[in-house]
Amino acid sequence: VAASKSNGGSTYYTDSVKGRFTISRDN
């Protein structure tokens, strides 16, 4: 569905959720 890369890296989404889902993190 989605991923958050380590060490402040980028986020990635599968096409079907782009624009609707947001991944974020609080380290």
mmCIF file of all heavy atoms, coordinates in Angstrom:
data_MODEL
# 
_entry.id   MODEL 
# 
loop_
_atom_site.group_PDB 
_atom_site.id 
_atom_site.type_symbol 
_atom_site.label_atom_id 
_atom_site.label_alt_id 
_atom_site.label_comp_id 
_atom_site.label_asym_id 
_atom_site.label_entity_id 
_atom_site.label_seq_id 
_atom_site.pdbx_PDB_ins_code 
_atom_site.Cartn_x 
_atom_site.Cartn_y 
_atom_site.Cartn_z 
_atom_site.occupancy 
_atom_site.B_iso_or_equiv 
_atom_site.pdbx_formal_charge 
_atom_site.auth_seq_id 
_atom_site.auth_comp_id 
_atom_site.auth_asym_id 
_atom_site.auth_atom_id 
_atom_site.pdbx_PDB_model_num 
ATOM 1   N N   . VAL A 1 1  ? 0.828  -1.194 0.000   1.00 0.00 ? 1  VAL A N   1 
ATOM 2   C CA  . VAL A 1 1  ? 0.000  0.000  0.000   1.00 0.00 ? 1  VAL A CA  1 
ATOM 3   C C   . VAL A 1 1  ? 0.875  1.262  0.000   1.00 0.00 ? 1  VAL A C   1 
ATOM 4   O O   . VAL A 1 1  ? 0.738  2.132  -0.854  1.00 0.00 ? 1  VAL A O   1 
ATOM 5   C CB  . VAL A 1 1  ? -0.936 0.025  1.224   1.00 0.00 ? 1  VAL A CB  1 
ATOM 6   C CG1 . VAL A 1 1  ? -1.723 1.324  1.280   1.00 0.00 ? 1  VAL A CG1 1 
ATOM 7   C CG2 . VAL A 1 1  ? -1.867 -1.179 1.206   1.00 0.00 ? 1  VAL A CG2 1 
ATOM 8   N N   . ALA A 1 2  ? 1.769  1.362  0.986   1.00 0.00 ? 2  ALA A N   1 
ATOM 9   C CA  . ALA A 1 2  ? 2.580  2.571  1.129   1.00 0.00 ? 2  ALA A CA  1 
ATOM 10  C C   . ALA A 1 2  ? 3.810  2.243  1.955   1.00 0.00 ? 2  ALA A C   1 
ATOM 11  O O   . ALA A 1 2  ? 3.820  1.257  2.697   1.00 0.00 ? 2  ALA A O   1 
ATOM 12  C CB  . ALA A 1 2  ? 1.781  3.682  1.801   1.00 0.00 ? 2  ALA A CB  1 
ATOM 13  N N   . ALA A 1 3  ? 4.832  3.090  1.831   1.00 0.00 ? 3  ALA A N   1 
ATOM 14  C CA  . ALA A 1 3  ? 6.043  2.888  2.614   1.00 0.00 ? 3  ALA A CA  1 
ATOM 15  C C   . ALA A 1 3  ? 6.713  4.213  2.907   1.00 0.00 ? 3  ALA A C   1 
ATOM 16  O O   . ALA A 1 3  ? 6.620  5.163  2.121   1.00 0.00 ? 3  ALA A O   1 
ATOM 17  C CB  . ALA A 1 3  ? 7.019  1.959  1.898   1.00 0.00 ? 3  ALA A CB  1 
ATOM 18  N N   . SER A 1 4  ? 7.408  4.222  4.045   1.00 0.00 ? 4  SER A N   1 
ATOM 19  C CA  . SER A 1 4  ? 8.201  5.367  4.459   1.00 0.00 ? 4  SER A CA  1 
ATOM 20  C C   . SER A 1 4  ? 9.644  4.894  4.579   1.00 0.00 ? 4  SER A C   1 
ATOM 21  O O   . SER A 1 4  ? 9.943  4.021  5.396   1.00 0.00 ? 4  SER A O   1 
ATOM 22  C CB  . SER A 1 4  ? 7.692  5.888  5.807   1.00 0.00 ? 4  SER A CB  1 
ATOM 23  O OG  . SER A 1 4  ? 8.582  6.858  6.328   1.00 0.00 ? 4  SER A OG  1 
ATOM 24  N N   . LYS A 1 5  ? 10.498 5.447  3.758   1.00 0.00 ? 5  LYS A N   1 
ATOM 25  C CA  . LYS A 1 5  ? 11.899 5.036  3.739   1.00 0.00 ? 5  LYS A CA  1 
ATOM 26  C C   . LYS A 1 5  ? 12.603 5.507  4.998   1.00 0.00 ? 5  LYS A C   1 
ATOM 27  O O   . LYS A 1 5  ? 12.290 6.552  5.568   1.00 0.00 ? 5  LYS A O   1 
ATOM 28  C CB  . LYS A 1 5  ? 12.586 5.596  2.492   1.00 0.00 ? 5  LYS A CB  1 
ATOM 29  C CG  . LYS A 1 5  ? 14.001 5.134  2.254   1.00 0.00 ? 5  LYS A CG  1 
ATOM 30  C CD  . LYS A 1 5  ? 14.048 3.712  1.771   1.00 0.00 ? 5  LYS A CD  1 
ATOM 31  C CE  . LYS A 1 5  ? 15.441 3.350  1.264   1.00 0.00 ? 5  LYS A CE  1 
ATOM 32  N NZ  . LYS A 1 5  ? 16.479 3.481  2.287   1.00 0.00 ? 5  LYS A NZ  1 
ATOM 33  N N   . SER A 1 6  ? 13.616 4.754  5.424   1.00 0.00 ? 6  SER A N   1 
ATOM 34  C CA  . SER A 1 6  ? 14.384 5.090  6.616   1.00 0.00 ? 6  SER A CA  1 
ATOM 35  C C   . SER A 1 6  ? 15.184 6.379  6.459   1.00 0.00 ? 6  SER A C   1 
ATOM 36  O O   . SER A 1 6  ? 15.361 6.884  5.347   1.00 0.00 ? 6  SER A O   1 
ATOM 37  C CB  . SER A 1 6  ? 15.350 3.952  6.930   1.00 0.00 ? 6  SER A CB  1 
ATOM 38  O OG  . SER A 1 6  ? 16.231 3.760  5.835   1.00 0.00 ? 6  SER A OG  1 
ATOM 39  N N   . ASN A 1 7  ? 15.621 6.906  7.591   1.00 0.00 ? 7  ASN A N   1 
ATOM 40  C CA  . ASN A 1 7  ? 16.543 8.045  7.639   1.00 0.00 ? 7  ASN A CA  1 
ATOM 41  C C   . ASN A 1 7  ? 16.051 9.251  6.840   1.00 0.00 ? 7  ASN A C   1 
ATOM 42  O O   . ASN A 1 7  ? 16.808 9.835  6.050   1.00 0.00 ? 7  ASN A O   1 
ATOM 43  C CB  . ASN A 1 7  ? 17.933 7.616  7.164   1.00 0.00 ? 7  ASN A CB  1 
ATOM 44  C CG  . ASN A 1 7  ? 18.545 6.572  8.071   1.00 0.00 ? 7  ASN A CG  1 
ATOM 45  O OD1 . ASN A 1 7  ? 18.451 6.662  9.300   1.00 0.00 ? 7  ASN A OD1 1 
ATOM 46  N ND2 . ASN A 1 7  ? 19.153 5.560  7.485   1.00 0.00 ? 7  ASN A ND2 1 
ATOM 47  N N   . GLY A 1 8  ? 14.798 9.570  7.028   1.00 0.00 ? 8  GLY A N   1 
ATOM 48  C CA  . GLY A 1 8  ? 14.243 10.748 6.382   1.00 0.00 ? 8  GLY A CA  1 
ATOM 49  C C   . GLY A 1 8  ? 14.013 10.611 4.906   1.00 0.00 ? 8  GLY A C   1 
ATOM 50  O O   . GLY A 1 8  ? 13.886 11.612 4.192   1.00 0.00 ? 8  GLY A O   1 
ATOM 51  N N   . GLY A 1 9  ? 13.956 9.403  4.443   1.00 0.00 ? 9  GLY A N   1 
ATOM 52  C CA  . GLY A 1 9  ? 13.750 9.162  3.020   1.00 0.00 ? 9  GLY A CA  1 
ATOM 53  C C   . GLY A 1 9  ? 12.324 9.432  2.580   1.00 0.00 ? 9  GLY A C   1 
ATOM 54  O O   . GLY A 1 9  ? 11.471 9.855  3.355   1.00 0.00 ? 9  GLY A O   1 
ATOM 55  N N   . SER A 1 10 ? 12.089 9.167  1.342   1.00 0.00 ? 10 SER A N   1 
ATOM 56  C CA  . SER A 1 10 ? 10.813 9.510  0.723   1.00 0.00 ? 10 SER A CA  1 
ATOM 57  C C   . SER A 1 10 ? 9.714  8.508  1.081   1.00 0.00 ? 10 SER A C   1 
ATOM 58  O O   . SER A 1 10 ? 9.953  7.491  1.715   1.00 0.00 ? 10 SER A O   1 
ATOM 59  C CB  . SER A 1 10 ? 10.988 9.557  -0.796  1.00 0.00 ? 10 SER A CB  1 
ATOM 60  O OG  . SER A 1 10 ? 11.913 10.535 -1.175  1.00 0.00 ? 10 SER A OG  1 
ATOM 61  N N   . THR A 1 11 ? 8.514  8.868  0.647   1.00 0.00 ? 11 THR A N   1 
ATOM 62  C CA  . THR A 1 11 ? 7.359  8.004  0.807   1.00 0.00 ? 11 THR A CA  1 
ATOM 63  C C   . THR A 1 11 ? 6.924  7.477  -0.551  1.00 0.00 ? 11 THR A C   1 
ATOM 64  O O   . THR A 1 11 ? 7.174  8.122  -1.587  1.00 0.00 ? 11 THR A O   1 
ATOM 65  C CB  . THR A 1 11 ? 6.201  8.755  1.463   1.00 0.00 ? 11 THR A CB  1 
ATOM 66  O OG1 . THR A 1 11 ? 5.904  9.929  0.687   1.00 0.00 ? 11 THR A OG1 1 
ATOM 67  C CG2 . THR A 1 11 ? 6.568  9.193  2.876   1.00 0.00 ? 11 THR A CG2 1 
ATOM 68  N N   . TYR A 1 12 ? 6.290  6.321  -0.515  1.00 0.00 ? 12 TYR A N   1 
ATOM 69  C CA  . TYR A 1 12 ? 5.902  5.645  -1.747  1.00 0.00 ? 12 TYR A CA  1 
ATOM 70  C C   . TYR A 1 12 ? 4.512  5.049  -1.578  1.00 0.00 ? 12 TYR A C   1 
ATOM 71  O O   . TYR A 1 12 ? 4.135  4.631  -0.486  1.00 0.00 ? 12 TYR A O   1 
ATOM 72  C CB  . TYR A 1 12 ? 6.920  4.550  -2.083  1.00 0.00 ? 12 TYR A CB  1 
ATOM 73  C CG  . TYR A 1 12 ? 8.316  5.087  -2.223  1.00 0.00 ? 12 TYR A CG  1 
ATOM 74  C CD1 . TYR A 1 12 ? 9.139  5.219  -1.113  1.00 0.00 ? 12 TYR A CD1 1 
ATOM 75  C CD2 . TYR A 1 12 ? 8.803  5.494  -3.463  1.00 0.00 ? 12 TYR A CD2 1 
ATOM 76  C CE1 . TYR A 1 12 ? 10.407 5.751  -1.226  1.00 0.00 ? 12 TYR A CE1 1 
ATOM 77  C CE2 . TYR A 1 12 ? 10.074 6.022  -3.584  1.00 0.00 ? 12 TYR A CE2 1 
ATOM 78  C CZ  . TYR A 1 12 ? 10.874 6.150  -2.463  1.00 0.00 ? 12 TYR A CZ  1 
ATOM 79  O OH  . TYR A 1 12 ? 12.127 6.688  -2.582  1.00 0.00 ? 12 TYR A OH  1 
ATOM 80  N N   . TYR A 1 13 ? 3.769  5.033  -2.690  1.00 0.00 ? 13 TYR A N   1 
ATOM 81  C CA  . TYR A 1 13 ? 2.394  4.557  -2.648  1.00 0.00 ? 13 TYR A CA  1 
ATOM 82  C C   . TYR A 1 13 ? 2.092  3.685  -3.857  1.00 0.00 ? 13 TYR A C   1 
ATOM 83  O O   . TYR A 1 13 ? 2.621  3.916  -4.949  1.00 0.00 ? 13 TYR A O   1 
ATOM 84  C CB  . TYR A 1 13 ? 1.420  5.741  -2.656  1.00 0.00 ? 13 TYR A CB  1 
ATOM 85  C CG  . TYR A 1 13 ? 1.606  6.695  -1.510  1.00 0.00 ? 13 TYR A CG  1 
ATOM 86  C CD1 . TYR A 1 13 ? 2.452  7.781  -1.630  1.00 0.00 ? 13 TYR A CD1 1 
ATOM 87  C CD2 . TYR A 1 13 ? 0.932  6.501  -0.303  1.00 0.00 ? 13 TYR A CD2 1 
ATOM 88  C CE1 . TYR A 1 13 ? 2.642  8.662  -0.562  1.00 0.00 ? 13 TYR A CE1 1 
ATOM 89  C CE2 . TYR A 1 13 ? 1.104  7.369  0.756   1.00 0.00 ? 13 TYR A CE2 1 
ATOM 90  C CZ  . TYR A 1 13 ? 1.965  8.447  0.620   1.00 0.00 ? 13 TYR A CZ  1 
ATOM 91  O OH  . TYR A 1 13 ? 2.157  9.310  1.666   1.00 0.00 ? 13 TYR A OH  1 
ATOM 92  N N   . THR A 1 14 ? 1.223  2.740  -3.660  1.00 0.00 ? 14 THR A N   1 
ATOM 93  C CA  . THR A 1 14 ? 0.698  2.040  -4.812  1.00 0.00 ? 14 THR A CA  1 
ATOM 94  C C   . THR A 1 14 ? -0.270 2.973  -5.535  1.00 0.00 ? 14 THR A C   1 
ATOM 95  O O   . THR A 1 14 ? -0.860 3.878  -4.926  1.00 0.00 ? 14 THR A O   1 
ATOM 96  C CB  . THR A 1 14 ? 0.000  0.735  -4.392  1.00 0.00 ? 14 THR A CB  1 
ATOM 97  O OG1 . THR A 1 14 ? -0.246 -0.064 -5.535  1.00 0.00 ? 14 THR A OG1 1 
ATOM 98  C CG2 . THR A 1 14 ? -1.305 1.007  -3.669  1.00 0.00 ? 14 THR A CG2 1 
ATOM 99  N N   . ASP A 1 15 ? -0.420 2.784  -6.816  1.00 0.00 ? 15 ASP A N   1 
ATOM 100 C CA  . ASP A 1 15 ? -1.184 3.737  -7.635  1.00 0.00 ? 15 ASP A CA  1 
ATOM 101 C C   . ASP A 1 15 ? -2.629 3.919  -7.148  1.00 0.00 ? 15 ASP A C   1 
ATOM 102 O O   . ASP A 1 15 ? -3.178 5.025  -7.210  1.00 0.00 ? 15 ASP A O   1 
ATOM 103 C CB  . ASP A 1 15 ? -1.197 3.281  -9.091  1.00 0.00 ? 15 ASP A CB  1 
ATOM 104 C CG  . ASP A 1 15 ? 0.133  3.516  -9.782  1.00 0.00 ? 15 ASP A CG  1 
ATOM 105 O OD1 . ASP A 1 15 ? 0.969  4.267  -9.232  1.00 0.00 ? 15 ASP A OD1 1 
ATOM 106 O OD2 . ASP A 1 15 ? 0.336  2.944  -10.872 1.00 0.00 ? 15 ASP A OD2 1 
ATOM 107 N N   . SER A 1 16 ? -3.244 2.858  -6.669  1.00 0.00 ? 16 SER A N   1 
ATOM 108 C CA  . SER A 1 16 ? -4.664 2.930  -6.320  1.00 0.00 ? 16 SER A CA  1 
ATOM 109 C C   . SER A 1 16 ? -4.957 3.799  -5.104  1.00 0.00 ? 16 SER A C   1 
ATOM 110 O O   . SER A 1 16 ? -6.112 4.153  -4.870  1.00 0.00 ? 16 SER A O   1 
ATOM 111 C CB  . SER A 1 16 ? -5.216 1.522  -6.098  1.00 0.00 ? 16 SER A CB  1 
ATOM 112 O OG  . SER A 1 16 ? -4.575 0.907  -4.996  1.00 0.00 ? 16 SER A OG  1 
ATOM 113 N N   . VAL A 1 17 ? -3.936 4.146  -4.336  1.00 0.00 ? 17 VAL A N   1 
ATOM 114 C CA  . VAL A 1 17 ? -4.182 4.961  -3.137  1.00 0.00 ? 17 VAL A CA  1 
ATOM 115 C C   . VAL A 1 17 ? -3.550 6.345  -3.234  1.00 0.00 ? 17 VAL A C   1 
ATOM 116 O O   . VAL A 1 17 ? -3.737 7.177  -2.327  1.00 0.00 ? 17 VAL A O   1 
ATOM 117 C CB  . VAL A 1 17 ? -3.694 4.252  -1.854  1.00 0.00 ? 17 VAL A CB  1 
ATOM 118 C CG1 . VAL A 1 17 ? -4.280 2.842  -1.762  1.00 0.00 ? 17 VAL A CG1 1 
ATOM 119 C CG2 . VAL A 1 17 ? -2.186 4.229  -1.750  1.00 0.00 ? 17 VAL A CG2 1 
ATOM 120 N N   . LYS A 1 18 ? -2.825 6.607  -4.281  1.00 0.00 ? 18 LYS A N   1 
ATOM 121 C CA  . LYS A 1 18 ? -2.184 7.919  -4.428  1.00 0.00 ? 18 LYS A CA  1 
ATOM 122 C C   . LYS A 1 18 ? -3.228 9.030  -4.431  1.00 0.00 ? 18 LYS A C   1 
ATOM 123 O O   . LYS A 1 18 ? -4.255 8.930  -5.091  1.00 0.00 ? 18 LYS A O   1 
ATOM 124 C CB  . LYS A 1 18 ? -1.372 7.970  -5.724  1.00 0.00 ? 18 LYS A CB  1 
ATOM 125 C CG  . LYS A 1 18 ? -0.069 7.205  -5.661  1.00 0.00 ? 18 LYS A CG  1 
ATOM 126 C CD  . LYS A 1 18 ? 0.682  7.290  -6.978  1.00 0.00 ? 18 LYS A CD  1 
ATOM 127 C CE  . LYS A 1 18 ? 1.983  6.499  -6.895  1.00 0.00 ? 18 LYS A CE  1 
ATOM 128 N NZ  . LYS A 1 18 ? 2.705  6.487  -8.196  1.00 0.00 ? 18 LYS A NZ  1 
ATOM 129 N N   . GLY A 1 19 ? -2.939 10.067 -3.659  1.00 0.00 ? 19 GLY A N   1 
ATOM 130 C CA  . GLY A 1 19 ? -3.874 11.181 -3.550  1.00 0.00 ? 19 GLY A CA  1 
ATOM 131 C C   . GLY A 1 19 ? -4.942 10.984 -2.499  1.00 0.00 ? 19 GLY A C   1 
ATOM 132 O O   . GLY A 1 19 ? -5.651 11.923 -2.147  1.00 0.00 ? 19 GLY A O   1 
ATOM 133 N N   . ARG A 1 20 ? -5.071 9.775  -1.969  1.00 0.00 ? 20 ARG A N   1 
ATOM 134 C CA  . ARG A 1 20 ? -6.075 9.496  -0.937  1.00 0.00 ? 20 ARG A CA  1 
ATOM 135 C C   . ARG A 1 20 ? -5.431 9.100  0.400   1.00 0.00 ? 20 ARG A C   1 
ATOM 136 O O   . ARG A 1 20 ? -5.949 9.433  1.453   1.00 0.00 ? 20 ARG A O   1 
ATOM 137 C CB  . ARG A 1 20 ? -7.010 8.376  -1.385  1.00 0.00 ? 20 ARG A CB  1 
ATOM 138 C CG  . ARG A 1 20 ? -7.772 8.672  -2.655  1.00 0.00 ? 20 ARG A CG  1 
ATOM 139 C CD  . ARG A 1 20 ? -8.836 7.612  -2.935  1.00 0.00 ? 20 ARG A CD  1 
ATOM 140 N NE  . ARG A 1 20 ? -8.257 6.279  -3.127  1.00 0.00 ? 20 ARG A NE  1 
ATOM 141 C CZ  . ARG A 1 20 ? -8.564 5.213  -2.391  1.00 0.00 ? 20 ARG A CZ  1 
ATOM 142 N NH1 . ARG A 1 20 ? -9.446 5.303  -1.414  1.00 0.00 ? 20 ARG A NH1 1 
ATOM 143 N NH2 . ARG A 1 20 ? -8.004 4.036  -2.656  1.00 0.00 ? 20 ARG A NH2 1 
ATOM 144 N N   . PHE A 1 21 ? -4.335 8.378  0.343   1.00 0.00 ? 21 PHE A N   1 
ATOM 145 C CA  . PHE A 1 21 ? -3.656 7.900  1.551   1.00 0.00 ? 21 PHE A CA  1 
ATOM 146 C C   . PHE A 1 21 ? -2.366 8.678  1.751   1.00 0.00 ? 21 PHE A C   1 
ATOM 147 O O   . PHE A 1 21 ? -1.688 9.052  0.777   1.00 0.00 ? 21 PHE A O   1 
ATOM 148 C CB  . PHE A 1 21 ? -3.303 6.423  1.433   1.00 0.00 ? 21 PHE A CB  1 
ATOM 149 C CG  . PHE A 1 21 ? -4.475 5.482  1.467   1.00 0.00 ? 21 PHE A CG  1 
ATOM 150 C CD1 . PHE A 1 21 ? -5.777 5.909  1.346   1.00 0.00 ? 21 PHE A CD1 1 
ATOM 151 C CD2 . PHE A 1 21 ? -4.248 4.114  1.626   1.00 0.00 ? 21 PHE A CD2 1 
ATOM 152 C CE1 . PHE A 1 21 ? -6.838 5.024  1.377   1.00 0.00 ? 21 PHE A CE1 1 
ATOM 153 C CE2 . PHE A 1 21 ? -5.304 3.214  1.663   1.00 0.00 ? 21 PHE A CE2 1 
ATOM 154 C CZ  . PHE A 1 21 ? -6.597 3.677  1.516   1.00 0.00 ? 21 PHE A CZ  1 
ATOM 155 N N   . THR A 1 22 ? -2.008 8.892  3.004   1.00 0.00 ? 22 THR A N   1 
ATOM 156 C CA  . THR A 1 22 ? -0.757 9.563  3.345   1.00 0.00 ? 22 THR A CA  1 
ATOM 157 C C   . THR A 1 22 ? -0.061 8.797  4.462   1.00 0.00 ? 22 THR A C   1 
ATOM 158 O O   . THR A 1 22 ? -0.676 8.555  5.512   1.00 0.00 ? 22 THR A O   1 
ATOM 159 C CB  . THR A 1 22 ? -0.992 11.006 3.797   1.00 0.00 ? 22 THR A CB  1 
ATOM 160 O OG1 . THR A 1 22 ? -1.678 11.732 2.767   1.00 0.00 ? 22 THR A OG1 1 
ATOM 161 C CG2 . THR A 1 22 ? 0.334  11.695 4.093   1.00 0.00 ? 22 THR A CG2 1 
ATOM 162 N N   . ILE A 1 23 ? 1.175  8.430  4.225   1.00 0.00 ? 23 ILE A N   1 
ATOM 163 C CA  . ILE A 1 23 ? 1.968  7.781  5.262   1.00 0.00 ? 23 ILE A CA  1 
ATOM 164 C C   . ILE A 1 23 ? 2.877  8.825  5.902   1.00 0.00 ? 23 ILE A C   1 
ATOM 165 O O   . ILE A 1 23 ? 3.451  9.678  5.202   1.00 0.00 ? 23 ILE A O   1 
ATOM 166 C CB  . ILE A 1 23 ? 2.786  6.591  4.692   1.00 0.00 ? 23 ILE A CB  1 
ATOM 167 C CG1 . ILE A 1 23 ? 3.463  5.823  5.818   1.00 0.00 ? 23 ILE A CG1 1 
ATOM 168 C CG2 . ILE A 1 23 ? 3.792  7.058  3.654   1.00 0.00 ? 23 ILE A CG2 1 
ATOM 169 C CD1 . ILE A 1 23 ? 4.094  4.509  5.364   1.00 0.00 ? 23 ILE A CD1 1 
ATOM 170 N N   . SER A 1 24 ? 2.984  8.771  7.208   1.00 0.00 ? 24 SER A N   1 
ATOM 171 C CA  . SER A 1 24 ? 3.856  9.693  7.931   1.00 0.00 ? 24 SER A CA  1 
ATOM 172 C C   . SER A 1 24 ? 4.417  8.968  9.147   1.00 0.00 ? 24 SER A C   1 
ATOM 173 O O   . SER A 1 24 ? 3.941  7.876  9.499   1.00 0.00 ? 24 SER A O   1 
ATOM 174 C CB  . SER A 1 24 ? 3.083  10.951 8.357   1.00 0.00 ? 24 SER A CB  1 
ATOM 175 O OG  . SER A 1 24 ? 2.027  10.617 9.235   1.00 0.00 ? 24 SER A OG  1 
ATOM 176 N N   . ARG A 1 25 ? 5.402  9.580  9.758   1.00 0.00 ? 25 ARG A N   1 
ATOM 177 C CA  . ARG A 1 25 ? 5.998  8.912  10.912  1.00 0.00 ? 25 ARG A CA  1 
ATOM 178 C C   . ARG A 1 25 ? 6.403  9.918  11.967  1.00 0.00 ? 25 ARG A C   1 
ATOM 179 O O   . ARG A 1 25 ? 6.727  11.067 11.657  1.00 0.00 ? 25 ARG A O   1 
ATOM 180 C CB  . ARG A 1 25 ? 7.191  8.053  10.476  1.00 0.00 ? 25 ARG A CB  1 
ATOM 181 C CG  . ARG A 1 25 ? 8.334  8.821  9.855   1.00 0.00 ? 25 ARG A CG  1 
ATOM 182 C CD  . ARG A 1 25 ? 9.291  7.874  9.137   1.00 0.00 ? 25 ARG A CD  1 
ATOM 183 N NE  . ARG A 1 25 ? 9.936  6.933  10.042  1.00 0.00 ? 25 ARG A NE  1 
ATOM 184 C CZ  . ARG A 1 25 ? 10.511 5.786  9.651   1.00 0.00 ? 25 ARG A CZ  1 
ATOM 185 N NH1 . ARG A 1 25 ? 10.515 5.448  8.376   1.00 0.00 ? 25 ARG A NH1 1 
ATOM 186 N NH2 . ARG A 1 25 ? 11.089 4.995  10.540  1.00 0.00 ? 25 ARG A NH2 1 
ATOM 187 N N   . ASP A 1 26 ? 6.375  9.455  13.208  1.00 0.00 ? 26 ASP A N   1 
ATOM 188 C CA  . ASP A 1 26 ? 6.866  10.221 14.353  1.00 0.00 ? 26 ASP A CA  1 
ATOM 189 C C   . ASP A 1 26 ? 7.942  9.356  14.999  1.00 0.00 ? 26 ASP A C   1 
ATOM 190 O O   . ASP A 1 26 ? 7.627  8.449  15.776  1.00 0.00 ? 26 ASP A O   1 
ATOM 191 C CB  . ASP A 1 26 ? 5.723  10.522 15.320  1.00 0.00 ? 26 ASP A CB  1 
ATOM 192 C CG  . ASP A 1 26 ? 6.144  11.411 16.474  1.00 0.00 ? 26 ASP A CG  1 
ATOM 193 O OD1 . ASP A 1 26 ? 7.364  11.478 16.762  1.00 0.00 ? 26 ASP A OD1 1 
ATOM 194 O OD2 . ASP A 1 26 ? 5.282  12.015 17.112  1.00 0.00 ? 26 ASP A OD2 1 
ATOM 195 N N   . ASN A 1 27 ? 9.180  9.627  14.663  1.00 0.00 ? 27 ASN A N   1 
ATOM 196 C CA  . ASN A 1 27 ? 10.266 8.776  15.145  1.00 0.00 ? 27 ASN A CA  1 
ATOM 197 C C   . ASN A 1 27 ? 10.420 8.837  16.664  1.00 0.00 ? 27 ASN A C   1 
ATOM 198 O O   . ASN A 1 27 ? 10.854 7.860  17.286  1.00 0.00 ? 27 ASN A O   1 
ATOM 199 C CB  . ASN A 1 27 ? 11.577 9.156  14.463  1.00 0.00 ? 27 ASN A CB  1 
ATOM 200 C CG  . ASN A 1 27 ? 11.592 8.772  12.999  1.00 0.00 ? 27 ASN A CG  1 
ATOM 201 O OD1 . ASN A 1 27 ? 10.998 7.768  12.594  1.00 0.00 ? 27 ASN A OD1 1 
ATOM 202 N ND2 . ASN A 1 27 ? 12.258 9.577  12.189  1.00 0.00 ? 27 ASN A ND2 1 
# 
